[in-house]
Amino acid sequence: AETSHISTTMIDKVLVARVEREKLGDYESPGVQNDVTQAAQKLGWRIALDLSPVGLLSSSGLGLLLTLSKLCKANSGKLVLFGVKPEIMAVMKVTKVDRLFTLAADQAAAVRAAS
């Protein structure tokens, strides 16, 4: 399935959602959050989120990821991030927010971690 913000598929009962945006900022984050939340309400809260297209992650984008993580936990699910670009990962590590997320090397590892 595809919306303007994400494309989704199901693999082993895990919702694999690819963010189809180059930026996750003030403008994009609400739409991405809405689309992922709507998909998860239908398909389940075990989510592997593909951030490979994302080259810029603002504080609102980070807030979106934290909100999705909390929603997953509240619904007995799990959020796993993969495809995080090296420059975004570097910022996440410096600010220590990488510790707040489950990160995977690729889609297969993310699906396993979310299962």
Protein backbone atom coordinates (compact mmCIF):
# COMPACT_ATOMS: atom_id res chain seq x y z
CA ALA A 1 0.00 0.00 0.00
CA GLU A 2 1.14 3.53 -0.63
CA THR A 3 0.27 7.02 0.62
CA SER A 4 1.96 10.29 -0.19
CA HIS A 5 4.28 9.83 2.80
CA ILE A 6 4.93 6.09 3.14
CA SER A 7 4.75 2.79 1.30
CA THR A 8 3.95 -0.34 3.28
CA THR A 9 4.12 -4.10 3.00
CA MET A 10 3.65 -6.96 5.45
CA ILE A 11 6.46 -9.45 6.10
CA ASP A 12 6.02 -12.16 8.77
CA LYS A 13 3.32 -10.18 10.60
CA VAL A 14 5.55 -7.09 10.68
CA LEU A 15 4.45 -3.85 9.04
CA VAL A 16 7.39 -2.67 6.91
CA ALA A 17 6.89 1.05 6.27
CA ARG A 18 9.22 3.03 4.04
CA VAL A 19 9.24 6.79 4.56
CA GLU A 20 8.93 8.26 1.05
CA ARG A 21 10.35 11.65 1.98
CA GLU A 22 13.87 13.09 1.81
CA LYS A 23 13.23 15.23 4.90
CA LEU A 24 11.46 14.53 8.15
CA GLY A 25 10.78 18.05 9.39
CA ASP A 26 7.89 20.17 10.67
CA TYR A 27 6.03 19.86 7.37
CA GLU A 28 6.48 16.11 6.72
CA SER A 29 6.31 14.62 10.23
CA PRO A 30 2.54 14.96 10.88
CA GLY A 31 1.68 13.26 7.58
CA VAL A 32 4.16 10.44 8.14
CA GLN A 33 2.90 9.93 11.70
CA ASN A 34 -0.73 9.89 10.53
CA ASP A 35 -0.03 7.41 7.72
CA VAL A 36 2.04 5.03 9.86
CA THR A 37 -0.51 5.18 12.69
CA GLN A 38 -3.42 4.44 10.34
CA ALA A 39 -1.55 1.48 8.81
CA ALA A 40 -0.59 0.15 12.26
CA GLN A 41 -4.18 0.39 13.53
CA LYS A 42 -5.20 -1.94 10.69
CA LEU A 43 -2.15 -4.18 10.43
CA GLY A 44 -0.53 -4.23 13.88
CA TRP A 45 2.04 -2.32 15.88
CA ARG A 46 5.12 -4.40 15.03
CA ILE A 47 6.78 -1.92 12.70
CA ALA A 48 10.05 -1.95 10.77
CA LEU A 49 10.50 1.66 9.63
CA ASP A 50 12.74 2.20 6.61
CA LEU A 51 14.42 5.61 6.77
CA SER A 52 16.74 5.07 3.78
CA PRO A 53 15.24 7.92 1.68
CA VAL A 54 15.55 10.37 4.60
CA GLY A 55 18.56 12.69 4.38
CA LEU A 56 17.43 15.28 6.92
CA LEU A 57 15.93 14.54 10.32
CA SER A 58 14.84 17.59 12.31
CA SER A 59 13.81 17.72 15.95
CA SER A 60 10.17 17.31 14.90
CA GLY A 61 11.18 14.22 12.89
CA LEU A 62 12.90 12.85 15.97
CA GLY A 63 9.75 13.62 17.97
CA LEU A 64 7.74 11.66 15.41
CA LEU A 65 10.00 8.62 15.85
CA LEU A 66 9.74 8.83 19.65
CA THR A 67 5.94 9.11 19.43
CA LEU A 68 5.73 6.09 17.12
CA SER A 69 7.98 4.13 19.48
CA LYS A 70 5.72 4.95 22.45
CA LEU A 71 2.58 4.04 20.47
CA CYS A 72 4.11 0.70 19.51
CA LYS A 73 5.00 -0.09 23.15
CA ALA A 74 1.54 1.00 24.36
CA ASN A 75 -0.03 -1.41 21.84
CA SER A 76 2.24 -4.38 22.72
CA GLY A 77 4.27 -3.87 19.58
CA LYS A 78 7.75 -2.69 18.70
CA LEU A 79 9.35 -0.08 16.44
CA VAL A 80 12.61 -0.97 14.71
CA LEU A 81 14.44 1.56 12.54
CA PHE A 82 16.60 0.60 9.57
CA GLY A 83 18.16 2.30 6.57
CA VAL A 84 19.37 5.19 8.73
CA LYS A 85 21.91 7.20 6.72
CA PRO A 86 25.39 7.51 8.29
CA GLU A 87 25.12 11.28 8.76
CA ILE A 88 21.81 10.92 10.62
CA MET A 89 23.18 8.03 12.68
CA ALA A 90 26.18 10.19 13.65
CA VAL A 91 23.87 12.92 14.99
CA MET A 92 21.74 10.32 16.81
CA LYS A 93 24.87 8.90 18.49
CA VAL A 94 26.30 12.30 19.47
CA THR A 95 22.96 13.27 21.06
CA LYS A 96 22.64 9.75 22.52
CA VAL A 97 19.11 9.34 21.14
CA ASP A 98 20.23 6.20 19.30
CA ARG A 99 19.85 4.47 22.69
CA LEU A 100 16.11 5.20 22.64
CA PHE A 101 15.51 3.11 19.52
CA THR A 102 16.01 -0.41 18.27
CA LEU A 103 18.18 -0.08 15.17
CA ALA A 104 18.78 -2.77 12.56
CA ALA A 105 21.29 -3.08 9.73
CA ASP A 106 18.75 -3.97 7.03
CA GLN A 107 15.13 -4.93 6.39
CA ALA A 108 15.57 -8.62 7.20
CA ALA A 109 17.21 -7.82 10.55
CA ALA A 110 14.53 -5.21 11.30
CA VAL A 111 11.71 -7.68 10.61
CA ARG A 112 13.38 -10.26 12.89
CA ALA A 113 13.86 -7.66 15.66
CA ALA A 114 10.23 -6.48 15.42
CA SER A 115 8.75 -10.02 15.41
